[in-house]
Every structure is written in C-alpha cells, then in structure tokens.
Amino acid sequence: MGVQIAEQVGNENPYRVQHLLGRAQWDAEKLCQEVRQYGVEGLSEPGDIFTVDETGFLKQGNQSVGVQVQYYGTTGHLENCQVGVFLS
C-alpha cells in the first residue's frame, strides 16, 4: 500500500510513506487540533457544516486493510467487508 500512496504523492520511492504509516510517532490530540483548524478555516459561510459518514464496502478475500466479517447495513447481516469513515 505504501508504494501506491508514494506514487500518488509523487515520491520516487516508498520509504517516507512507509515510515509515516508504520513507524512515525503521532500525537493524536495535536493532529486532531490541526485537522480541525484546517477544516474550520475552510468554512466560509455561516451555514457551512462538517459531515461525517461511514460506508461499508463488500470485499472478496482479505487483502485490503480492515477487511473482516462484520455487520454490513446494506444487506442487514454479517458480510466480508471493509468500512470507511469520511469527513466532508
């Protein structure tokens, strides 16, 4: 996965992305504050809002991150799927 992300951001090799994903130390509270500030600065109208949504994706096999048998709302029962959480 690190190789594909590195390619998308224009890195010549995956080492920086692999470090970020696997070994970097994170201060979760500080990161949340920075992401929140970034988002708030983008809200320009009084009625603007953030929307958080989780969506399930049916999957075959187990090669994608987070794939496991779990409740899948579209079918109403347990499925082999992956869940993504989106902020817009």
PDB file of N, CA and C in Angstrom:
ATOM      1  N   MET A   1       0.821  -1.187   0.000  1.00  0.00           N
ATOM      2  CA  MET A   1       0.000   0.000   0.000  1.00  0.00           C
ATOM      3  C   MET A   1       0.866   1.252   0.000  1.00  0.00           C
ATOM      4  N   GLY A   2       1.973   1.261   0.723  1.00  0.00           N
ATOM      5  CA  GLY A   2       2.835   2.425   0.774  1.00  0.00           C
ATOM      6  C   GLY A   2       3.376   2.821  -0.583  1.00  0.00           C
ATOM      7  N   VAL A   3       3.632   1.819  -1.434  1.00  0.00           N
ATOM      8  CA  VAL A   3       4.162   2.103  -2.769  1.00  0.00           C
ATOM      9  C   VAL A   3       3.138   2.887  -3.582  1.00  0.00           C
ATOM     10  N   GLN A   4       1.876   2.467  -3.560  1.00  0.00           N
ATOM     11  CA  GLN A   4       0.841   3.158  -4.327  1.00  0.00           C
ATOM     12  C   GLN A   4       0.630   4.580  -3.811  1.00  0.00           C
ATOM     13  N   ILE A   5       0.635   4.761  -2.497  1.00  0.00           N
ATOM     14  CA  ILE A   5       0.464   6.105  -1.940  1.00  0.00           C
ATOM     15  C   ILE A   5       1.648   6.974  -2.341  1.00  0.00           C
ATOM     16  N   ALA A   6       2.872   6.440  -2.236  1.00  0.00           N
ATOM     17  CA  ALA A   6       4.065   7.194  -2.617  1.00  0.00           C
ATOM     18  C   ALA A   6       3.984   7.624  -4.074  1.00  0.00           C
ATOM     19  N   GLU A   7       3.536   6.737  -4.945  1.00  0.00           N
ATOM     20  CA  GLU A   7       3.393   7.093  -6.358  1.00  0.00           C
ATOM     21  C   GLU A   7       2.393   8.224  -6.545  1.00  0.00           C
ATOM     22  N   GLN A   8       1.281   8.161  -5.822  1.00  0.00           N
ATOM     23  CA  GLN A   8       0.249   9.187  -5.963  1.00  0.00           C
ATOM     24  C   GLN A   8       0.722  10.562  -5.506  1.00  0.00           C
ATOM     25  N   VAL A   9       1.572  10.619  -4.482  1.00  0.00           N
ATOM     26  CA  VAL A   9       2.050  11.920  -3.989  1.00  0.00           C
ATOM     27  C   VAL A   9       3.337  12.350  -4.672  1.00  0.00           C
ATOM     28  N   GLY A  10       3.834  11.539  -5.608  1.00  0.00           N
ATOM     29  CA  GLY A  10       4.992  11.932  -6.393  1.00  0.00           C
ATOM     30  C   GLY A  10       6.343  11.573  -5.813  1.00  0.00           C
ATOM     31  N   ASN A  11       6.392  10.713  -4.809  1.00  0.00           N
ATOM     32  CA  ASN A  11       7.677  10.284  -4.251  1.00  0.00           C
ATOM     33  C   ASN A  11       8.321   9.241  -5.153  1.00  0.00           C
ATOM     34  N   GLU A  12       9.645   9.273  -5.250  1.00  0.00           N
ATOM     35  CA  GLU A  12      10.361   8.321  -6.098  1.00  0.00           C
ATOM     36  C   GLU A  12      10.402   6.923  -5.499  1.00  0.00           C
ATOM     37  N   ASN A  13      10.331   6.821  -4.169  1.00  0.00           N
ATOM     38  CA  ASN A  13      10.340   5.524  -3.508  1.00  0.00           C
ATOM     39  C   ASN A  13       9.365   5.570  -2.337  1.00  0.00           C
ATOM     40  N   PRO A  14       9.036   4.418  -1.755  1.00  0.00           N
ATOM     41  CA  PRO A  14       8.004   4.383  -0.715  1.00  0.00           C
ATOM     42  C   PRO A  14       8.502   4.625   0.710  1.00  0.00           C
ATOM     43  N   TYR A  15       9.776   4.890   0.915  1.00  0.00           N
ATOM     44  CA  TYR A  15      10.344   4.893   2.269  1.00  0.00           C
ATOM     45  C   TYR A  15       9.707   5.920   3.202  1.00  0.00           C
ATOM     46  N   ARG A  16       9.480   7.132   2.726  1.00  0.00           N
ATOM     47  CA  ARG A  16       8.888   8.158   3.591  1.00  0.00           C
ATOM     48  C   ARG A  16       7.460   7.794   3.979  1.00  0.00           C
ATOM     49  N   VAL A  17       6.694   7.295   3.013  1.00  0.00           N
ATOM     50  CA  VAL A  17       5.308   6.910   3.296  1.00  0.00           C
ATOM     51  C   VAL A  17       5.269   5.704   4.229  1.00  0.00           C
ATOM     52  N   GLN A  18       6.150   4.732   4.023  1.00  0.00           N
ATOM     53  CA  GLN A  18       6.198   3.564   4.902  1.00  0.00           C
ATOM     54  C   GLN A  18       6.538   3.979   6.330  1.00  0.00           C
ATOM     55  N   HIS A  19       7.452   4.928   6.482  1.00  0.00           N
ATOM     56  CA  HIS A  19       7.773   5.430   7.826  1.00  0.00           C
ATOM     57  C   HIS A  19       6.539   6.081   8.453  1.00  0.00           C
ATOM     58  N   LEU A  20       5.861   6.930   7.682  1.00  0.00           N
ATOM     59  CA  LEU A  20       4.677   7.617   8.184  1.00  0.00           C
ATOM     60  C   LEU A  20       3.605   6.625   8.630  1.00  0.00           C
ATOM     61  N   LEU A  21       3.385   5.589   7.815  1.00  0.00           N
ATOM     62  CA  LEU A  21       2.321   4.630   8.113  1.00  0.00           C
ATOM     63  C   LEU A  21       2.696   3.614   9.193  1.00  0.00           C
ATOM     64  N   GLY A  22       3.986   3.281   9.310  1.00  0.00           N
ATOM     65  CA  GLY A  22       4.348   2.180  10.193  1.00  0.00           C
ATOM     66  C   GLY A  22       5.186   2.501  11.410  1.00  0.00           C
ATOM     67  N   ARG A  23       5.959   3.590  11.375  1.00  0.00           N
ATOM     68  CA  ARG A  23       6.901   3.816  12.472  1.00  0.00           C
ATOM     69  C   ARG A  23       6.819   5.194  13.116  1.00  0.00           C
ATOM     70  N   ALA A  24       6.188   6.134  12.465  1.00  0.00           N
ATOM     71  CA  ALA A  24       6.145   7.505  12.983  1.00  0.00           C
ATOM     72  C   ALA A  24       5.355   7.565  14.288  1.00  0.00           C
ATOM     73  N   GLN A  25       5.785   8.428  15.189  1.00  0.00           N
ATOM     74  CA  GLN A  25       5.079   8.663  16.447  1.00  0.00           C
ATOM     75  C   GLN A  25       4.075   9.792  16.238  1.00  0.00           C
ATOM     76  N   TRP A  26       2.847   9.600  16.693  1.00  0.00           N
ATOM     77  CA  TRP A  26       1.782  10.570  16.487  1.00  0.00           C
ATOM     78  C   TRP A  26       1.291  11.116  17.818  1.00  0.00           C
ATOM     79  N   ASP A  27       1.024  12.382  17.859  1.00  0.00           N
ATOM     80  CA  ASP A  27       0.319  12.991  18.977  1.00  0.00           C
ATOM     81  C   ASP A  27      -1.113  13.187  18.492  1.00  0.00           C
ATOM     82  N   ALA A  28      -1.986  12.252  18.841  1.00  0.00           N
ATOM     83  CA  ALA A  28      -3.348  12.234  18.294  1.00  0.00           C
ATOM     84  C   ALA A  28      -4.111  13.520  18.602  1.00  0.00           C
ATOM     85  N   GLU A  29      -3.973  14.042  19.809  1.00  0.00           N
ATOM     86  CA  GLU A  29      -4.707  15.256  20.160  1.00  0.00           C
ATOM     87  C   GLU A  29      -4.232  16.449  19.334  1.00  0.00           C
ATOM     88  N   LYS A  30      -2.923  16.572  19.172  1.00  0.00           N
ATOM     89  CA  LYS A  30      -2.387  17.677  18.374  1.00  0.00           C
ATOM     90  C   LYS A  30      -2.820  17.553  16.918  1.00  0.00           C
ATOM     91  N   LEU A  31      -2.783  16.345  16.376  1.00  0.00           N
ATOM     92  CA  LEU A  31      -3.213  16.130  14.995  1.00  0.00           C
ATOM     93  C   LEU A  31      -4.685  16.503  14.836  1.00  0.00           C
ATOM     94  N   CYS A  32      -5.532  16.084  15.768  1.00  0.00           N
ATOM     95  CA  CYS A  32      -6.955  16.426  15.701  1.00  0.00           C
ATOM     96  C   CYS A  32      -7.159  17.936  15.726  1.00  0.00           C
ATOM     97  N   GLN A  33      -6.395  18.642  16.569  1.00  0.00           N
ATOM     98  CA  GLN A  33      -6.499  20.101  16.634  1.00  0.00           C
ATOM     99  C   GLN A  33      -6.105  20.739  15.306  1.00  0.00           C
ATOM    100  N   GLU A  34      -5.027  20.239  14.702  1.00  0.00           N
ATOM    101  CA  GLU A  34      -4.580  20.811  13.428  1.00  0.00           C
ATOM    102  C   GLU A  34      -5.576  20.534  12.305  1.00  0.00           C
ATOM    103  N   VAL A  35      -6.116  19.323  12.255  1.00  0.00           N
ATOM    104  CA  VAL A  35      -7.102  18.991  11.220  1.00  0.00           C
ATOM    105  C   VAL A  35      -8.365  19.814  11.420  1.00  0.00           C
ATOM    106  N   ARG A  36      -8.783  19.969  12.672  1.00  0.00           N
ATOM    107  CA  ARG A  36      -9.972  20.777  12.962  1.00  0.00           C
ATOM    108  C   ARG A  36      -9.747  22.219  12.517  1.00  0.00           C
ATOM    109  N   GLN A  37      -8.604  22.791  12.853  1.00  0.00           N
ATOM    110  CA  GLN A  37      -8.313  24.174  12.475  1.00  0.00           C
ATOM    111  C   GLN A  37      -8.311  24.333  10.956  1.00  0.00           C
ATOM    112  N   TYR A  38      -7.696  23.371  10.265  1.00  0.00           N
ATOM    113  CA  TYR A  38      -7.666  23.396   8.802  1.00  0.00           C
ATOM    114  C   TYR A  38      -9.087  23.391   8.246  1.00  0.00           C
ATOM    115  N   GLY A  39      -9.929  22.545   8.794  1.00  0.00           N
ATOM    116  CA  GLY A  39     -11.310  22.467   8.327  1.00  0.00           C
ATOM    117  C   GLY A  39     -12.113  23.710   8.638  1.00  0.00           C
ATOM    118  N   VAL A  40     -11.972  24.221   9.857  1.00  0.00           N
ATOM    119  CA  VAL A  40     -12.720  25.412  10.257  1.00  0.00           C
ATOM    120  C   VAL A  40     -12.360  26.600   9.372  1.00  0.00           C
ATOM    121  N   GLU A  41     -11.091  26.713   8.999  1.00  0.00           N
ATOM    122  CA  GLU A  41     -10.672  27.803   8.120  1.00  0.00           C
ATOM    123  C   GLU A  41     -11.340  27.703   6.747  1.00  0.00           C
ATOM    124  N   GLY A  42     -11.733  26.500   6.346  1.00  0.00           N
ATOM    125  CA  GLY A  42     -12.393  26.312   5.060  1.00  0.00           C
ATOM    126  C   GLY A  42     -13.885  26.589   5.082  1.00  0.00           C
ATOM    127  N   LEU A  43     -14.454  26.739   6.272  1.00  0.00           N
ATOM    128  CA  LEU A  43     -15.881  27.047   6.382  1.00  0.00           C
ATOM    129  C   LEU A  43     -16.046  28.552   6.214  1.00  0.00           C
ATOM    130  N   SER A  44     -16.627  28.969   5.091  1.00  0.00           N
ATOM    131  CA  SER A  44     -16.692  30.400   4.813  1.00  0.00           C
ATOM    132  C   SER A  44     -18.083  31.004   4.989  1.00  0.00           C
ATOM    133  N   GLU A  45     -19.102  30.192   4.999  1.00  0.00           N
ATOM    134  CA  GLU A  45     -20.474  30.685   5.136  1.00  0.00           C
ATOM    135  C   GLU A  45     -21.032  30.276   6.501  1.00  0.00           C
ATOM    136  N   PRO A  46     -21.905  31.084   7.089  1.00  0.00           N
ATOM    137  CA  PRO A  46     -22.463  30.763   8.408  1.00  0.00           C
ATOM    138  C   PRO A  46     -23.155  29.397   8.468  1.00  0.00           C
ATOM    139  N   GLY A  47     -23.750  28.934   7.380  1.00  0.00           N
ATOM    140  CA  GLY A  47     -24.460  27.664   7.380  1.00  0.00           C
ATOM    141  C   GLY A  47     -23.604  26.471   7.001  1.00  0.00           C
ATOM    142  N   ASP A  48     -22.293  26.663   6.738  1.00  0.00           N
ATOM    143  CA  ASP A  48     -21.414  25.558   6.365  1.00  0.00           C
ATOM    144  C   ASP A  48     -21.282  24.571   7.516  1.00  0.00           C
ATOM    145  N   ILE A  49     -21.184  23.276   7.185  1.00  0.00           N
ATOM    146  CA  ILE A  49     -21.084  22.227   8.198  1.00  0.00           C
ATOM    147  C   ILE A  49     -20.058  21.175   7.787  1.00  0.00           C
ATOM    148  N   PHE A  50     -19.614  20.407   8.756  1.00  0.00           N
ATOM    149  CA  PHE A  50     -18.842  19.196   8.510  1.00  0.00           C
ATOM    150  C   PHE A  50     -19.820  18.031   8.518  1.00  0.00           C
ATOM    151  N   THR A  51     -19.597  17.049   7.654  1.00  0.00           N
ATOM    152  CA  THR A  51     -20.402  15.839   7.647  1.00  0.00           C
ATOM    153  C   THR A  51     -19.477  14.642   7.806  1.00  0.00           C
ATOM    154  N   VAL A  52     -19.792  13.764   8.749  1.00  0.00           N
ATOM    155  CA  VAL A  52     -19.035  12.530   8.948  1.00  0.00           C
ATOM    156  C   VAL A  52     -19.945  11.383   8.563  1.00  0.00           C
ATOM    157  N   ASP A  53     -19.427  10.479   7.720  1.00  0.00           N
ATOM    158  CA  ASP A  53     -20.232   9.365   7.236  1.00  0.00           C
ATOM    159  C   ASP A  53     -19.384   8.105   7.187  1.00  0.00           C
ATOM    160  N   GLU A  54     -19.943   6.991   7.602  1.00  0.00           N
ATOM    161  CA  GLU A  54     -19.253   5.707   7.449  1.00  0.00           C
ATOM    162  C   GLU A  54     -19.991   4.889   6.414  1.00  0.00           C
ATOM    163  N   THR A  55     -19.224   4.272   5.555  1.00  0.00           N
ATOM    164  CA  THR A  55     -19.778   3.498   4.457  1.00  0.00           C
ATOM    165  C   THR A  55     -19.078   2.156   4.380  1.00  0.00           C
ATOM    166  N   GLY A  56     -19.846   1.101   4.183  1.00  0.00           N
ATOM    167  CA  GLY A  56     -19.273  -0.235   4.044  1.00  0.00           C
ATOM    168  C   GLY A  56     -19.062  -0.596   2.588  1.00  0.00           C
ATOM    169  N   PHE A  57     -18.045  -1.412   2.347  1.00  0.00           N
ATOM    170  CA  PHE A  57     -17.727  -1.894   1.012  1.00  0.00           C
ATOM    171  C   PHE A  57     -17.619  -3.410   1.070  1.00  0.00           C
ATOM    172  N   LEU A  58     -18.437  -4.125   0.310  1.00  0.00           N
ATOM    173  CA  LEU A  58     -18.309  -5.577   0.249  1.00  0.00           C
ATOM    174  C   LEU A  58     -16.957  -5.940  -0.350  1.00  0.00           C
ATOM    175  N   LYS A  59     -16.304  -6.955   0.205  1.00  0.00           N
ATOM    176  CA  LYS A  59     -14.978  -7.359  -0.263  1.00  0.00           C
ATOM    177  C   LYS A  59     -14.922  -8.860  -0.456  1.00  0.00           C
ATOM    178  N   GLN A  60     -14.136  -9.279  -1.430  1.00  0.00           N
ATOM    179  CA  GLN A  60     -13.813 -10.685  -1.638  1.00  0.00           C
ATOM    180  C   GLN A  60     -12.405 -10.885  -1.077  1.00  0.00           C
ATOM    181  N   GLY A  61     -12.172 -11.896  -0.304  1.00  0.00           N
ATOM    182  CA  GLY A  61     -10.828 -12.135   0.241  1.00  0.00           C
ATOM    183  C   GLY A  61     -10.516 -11.230   1.412  1.00  0.00           C
ATOM    184  N   ASN A  62      -9.212 -11.102   1.725  1.00  0.00           N
ATOM    185  CA  ASN A  62      -8.822 -10.329   2.902  1.00  0.00           C
ATOM    186  C   ASN A  62      -7.561  -9.500   2.656  1.00  0.00           C
ATOM    187  N   GLN A  63      -7.322  -9.072   1.427  1.00  0.00           N
ATOM    188  CA  GLN A  63      -6.100  -8.365   1.097  1.00  0.00           C
ATOM    189  C   GLN A  63      -6.164  -6.857   1.350  1.00  0.00           C
ATOM    190  N   SER A  64      -7.334  -6.299   1.530  1.00  0.00           N
ATOM    191  CA  SER A  64      -7.464  -4.869   1.802  1.00  0.00           C
ATOM    192  C   SER A  64      -7.405  -4.624   3.308  1.00  0.00           C
ATOM    193  N   VAL A  65      -6.935  -3.451   3.694  1.00  0.00           N
ATOM    194  CA  VAL A  65      -6.819  -3.090   5.110  1.00  0.00           C
ATOM    195  C   VAL A  65      -8.202  -3.095   5.761  1.00  0.00           C
ATOM    196  N   GLY A  66      -8.309  -3.711   6.924  1.00  0.00           N
ATOM    197  CA  GLY A  66      -9.536  -3.674   7.704  1.00  0.00           C
ATOM    198  C   GLY A  66     -10.647  -4.591   7.241  1.00  0.00           C
ATOM    199  N   VAL A  67     -10.386  -5.474   6.294  1.00  0.00           N
ATOM    200  CA  VAL A  67     -11.438  -6.384   5.822  1.00  0.00           C
ATOM    201  C   VAL A  67     -11.644  -7.480   6.853  1.00  0.00           C
ATOM    202  N   GLN A  68     -12.887  -7.673   7.227  1.00  0.00           N
ATOM    203  CA  GLN A  68     -13.248  -8.755   8.142  1.00  0.00           C
ATOM    204  C   GLN A  68     -14.751  -8.960   8.069  1.00  0.00           C
ATOM    205  N   VAL A  69     -15.198 -10.035   8.642  1.00  0.00           N
ATOM    206  CA  VAL A  69     -16.637 -10.287   8.702  1.00  0.00           C
ATOM    207  C   VAL A  69     -17.207  -9.352   9.762  1.00  0.00           C
ATOM    208  N   GLN A  70     -18.118  -8.498   9.335  1.00  0.00           N
ATOM    209  CA  GLN A  70     -18.739  -7.536  10.239  1.00  0.00           C
ATOM    210  C   GLN A  70     -20.115  -7.167   9.697  1.00  0.00           C
ATOM    211  N   TYR A  71     -20.911  -6.488  10.512  1.00  0.00           N
ATOM    212  CA  TYR A  71     -22.257  -6.111  10.094  1.00  0.00           C
ATOM    213  C   TYR A  71     -22.183  -5.145   8.915  1.00  0.00           C
ATOM    214  N   TYR A  72     -22.941  -5.439   7.870  1.00  0.00           N
ATOM    215  CA  TYR A  72     -22.993  -4.607   6.672  1.00  0.00           C
ATOM    216  C   TYR A  72     -24.425  -4.138   6.495  1.00  0.00           C
ATOM    217  N   GLY A  73     -24.665  -2.848   6.733  1.00  0.00           N
ATOM    218  CA  GLY A  73     -26.013  -2.305   6.765  1.00  0.00           C
ATOM    219  C   GLY A  73     -26.821  -2.482   5.498  1.00  0.00           C
ATOM    220  N   THR A  74     -26.175  -2.486   4.344  1.00  0.00           N
ATOM    221  CA  THR A  74     -26.908  -2.603   3.078  1.00  0.00           C
ATOM    222  C   THR A  74     -27.634  -3.932   2.972  1.00  0.00           C
ATOM    223  N   THR A  75     -26.988  -5.011   3.430  1.00  0.00           N
ATOM    224  CA  THR A  75     -27.632  -6.325   3.364  1.00  0.00           C
ATOM    225  C   THR A  75     -28.332  -6.681   4.669  1.00  0.00           C
ATOM    226  N   GLY A  76     -27.987  -6.002   5.747  1.00  0.00           N
ATOM    227  CA  GLY A  76     -28.637  -6.251   7.027  1.00  0.00           C
ATOM    228  C   GLY A  76     -28.091  -7.437   7.800  1.00  0.00           C
ATOM    229  N   HIS A  77     -26.935  -7.978   7.390  1.00  0.00           N
ATOM    230  CA  HIS A  77     -26.341  -9.080   8.146  1.00  0.00           C
ATOM    231  C   HIS A  77     -24.824  -9.066   8.006  1.00  0.00           C
ATOM    232  N   LEU A  78     -24.158 -10.055   8.585  1.00  0.00           N
ATOM    233  CA  LEU A  78     -22.704 -10.105   8.569  1.00  0.00           C
ATOM    234  C   LEU A  78     -22.182 -10.430   7.173  1.00  0.00           C
ATOM    235  N   GLU A  79     -21.169  -9.687   6.748  1.00  0.00           N
ATOM    236  CA  GLU A  79     -20.556  -9.874   5.437  1.00  0.00           C
ATOM    237  C   GLU A  79     -19.043  -9.669   5.569  1.00  0.00           C
ATOM    238  N   ASN A  80     -18.316 -10.162   4.603  1.00  0.00           N
ATOM    239  CA  ASN A  80     -16.892  -9.856   4.499  1.00  0.00           C
ATOM    240  C   ASN A  80     -16.810  -8.459   3.866  1.00  0.00           C
ATOM    241  N   CYS A  81     -16.442  -7.464   4.662  1.00  0.00           N
ATOM    242  CA  CYS A  81     -16.466  -6.101   4.138  1.00  0.00           C
ATOM    243  C   CYS A  81     -15.414  -5.230   4.812  1.00  0.00           C
ATOM    244  N   GLN A  82     -15.327  -4.023   4.307  1.00  0.00           N
ATOM    245  CA  GLN A  82     -14.423  -3.002   4.814  1.00  0.00           C
ATOM    246  C   GLN A  82     -15.276  -1.766   5.076  1.00  0.00           C
ATOM    247  N   VAL A  83     -14.965  -1.034   6.136  1.00  0.00           N
ATOM    248  CA  VAL A  83     -15.729   0.172   6.458  1.00  0.00           C
ATOM    249  C   VAL A  83     -14.799   1.360   6.344  1.00  0.00           C
ATOM    250  N   GLY A  84     -15.254   2.395   5.640  1.00  0.00           N
ATOM    251  CA  GLY A  84     -14.507   3.641   5.522  1.00  0.00           C
ATOM    252  C   GLY A  84     -15.279   4.751   6.205  1.00  0.00           C
ATOM    253  N   VAL A  85     -14.569   5.664   6.859  1.00  0.00           N
ATOM    254  CA  VAL A  85     -15.194   6.818   7.505  1.00  0.00           C
ATOM    255  C   VAL A  85     -14.720   8.061   6.756  1.00  0.00           C
ATOM    256  N   PHE A  86     -15.660   8.904   6.355  1.00  0.00           N
ATOM    257  CA  PHE A  86     -15.371  10.050   5.521  1.00  0.00           C
ATOM    258  C   PHE A  86     -15.803  11.344   6.203  1.00  0.00           C
ATOM    259  N   LEU A  87     -14.993  12.369   6.069  1.00  0.00           N
ATOM    260  CA  LEU A  87     -15.308  13.704   6.579  1.00  0.00           C
ATOM    261  C   LEU A  87     -15.370  14.633   5.384  1.00  0.00           C
ATOM    262  N   SER A  88     -16.473  15.323   5.241  1.00  0.00           N
ATOM    263  CA  SER A  88     -16.604  16.279   4.130  1.00  0.00           C
ATOM    264  C   SER A  88     -17.214  17.572   4.626  1.00  0.00           C
TER     265      SER A  88
END
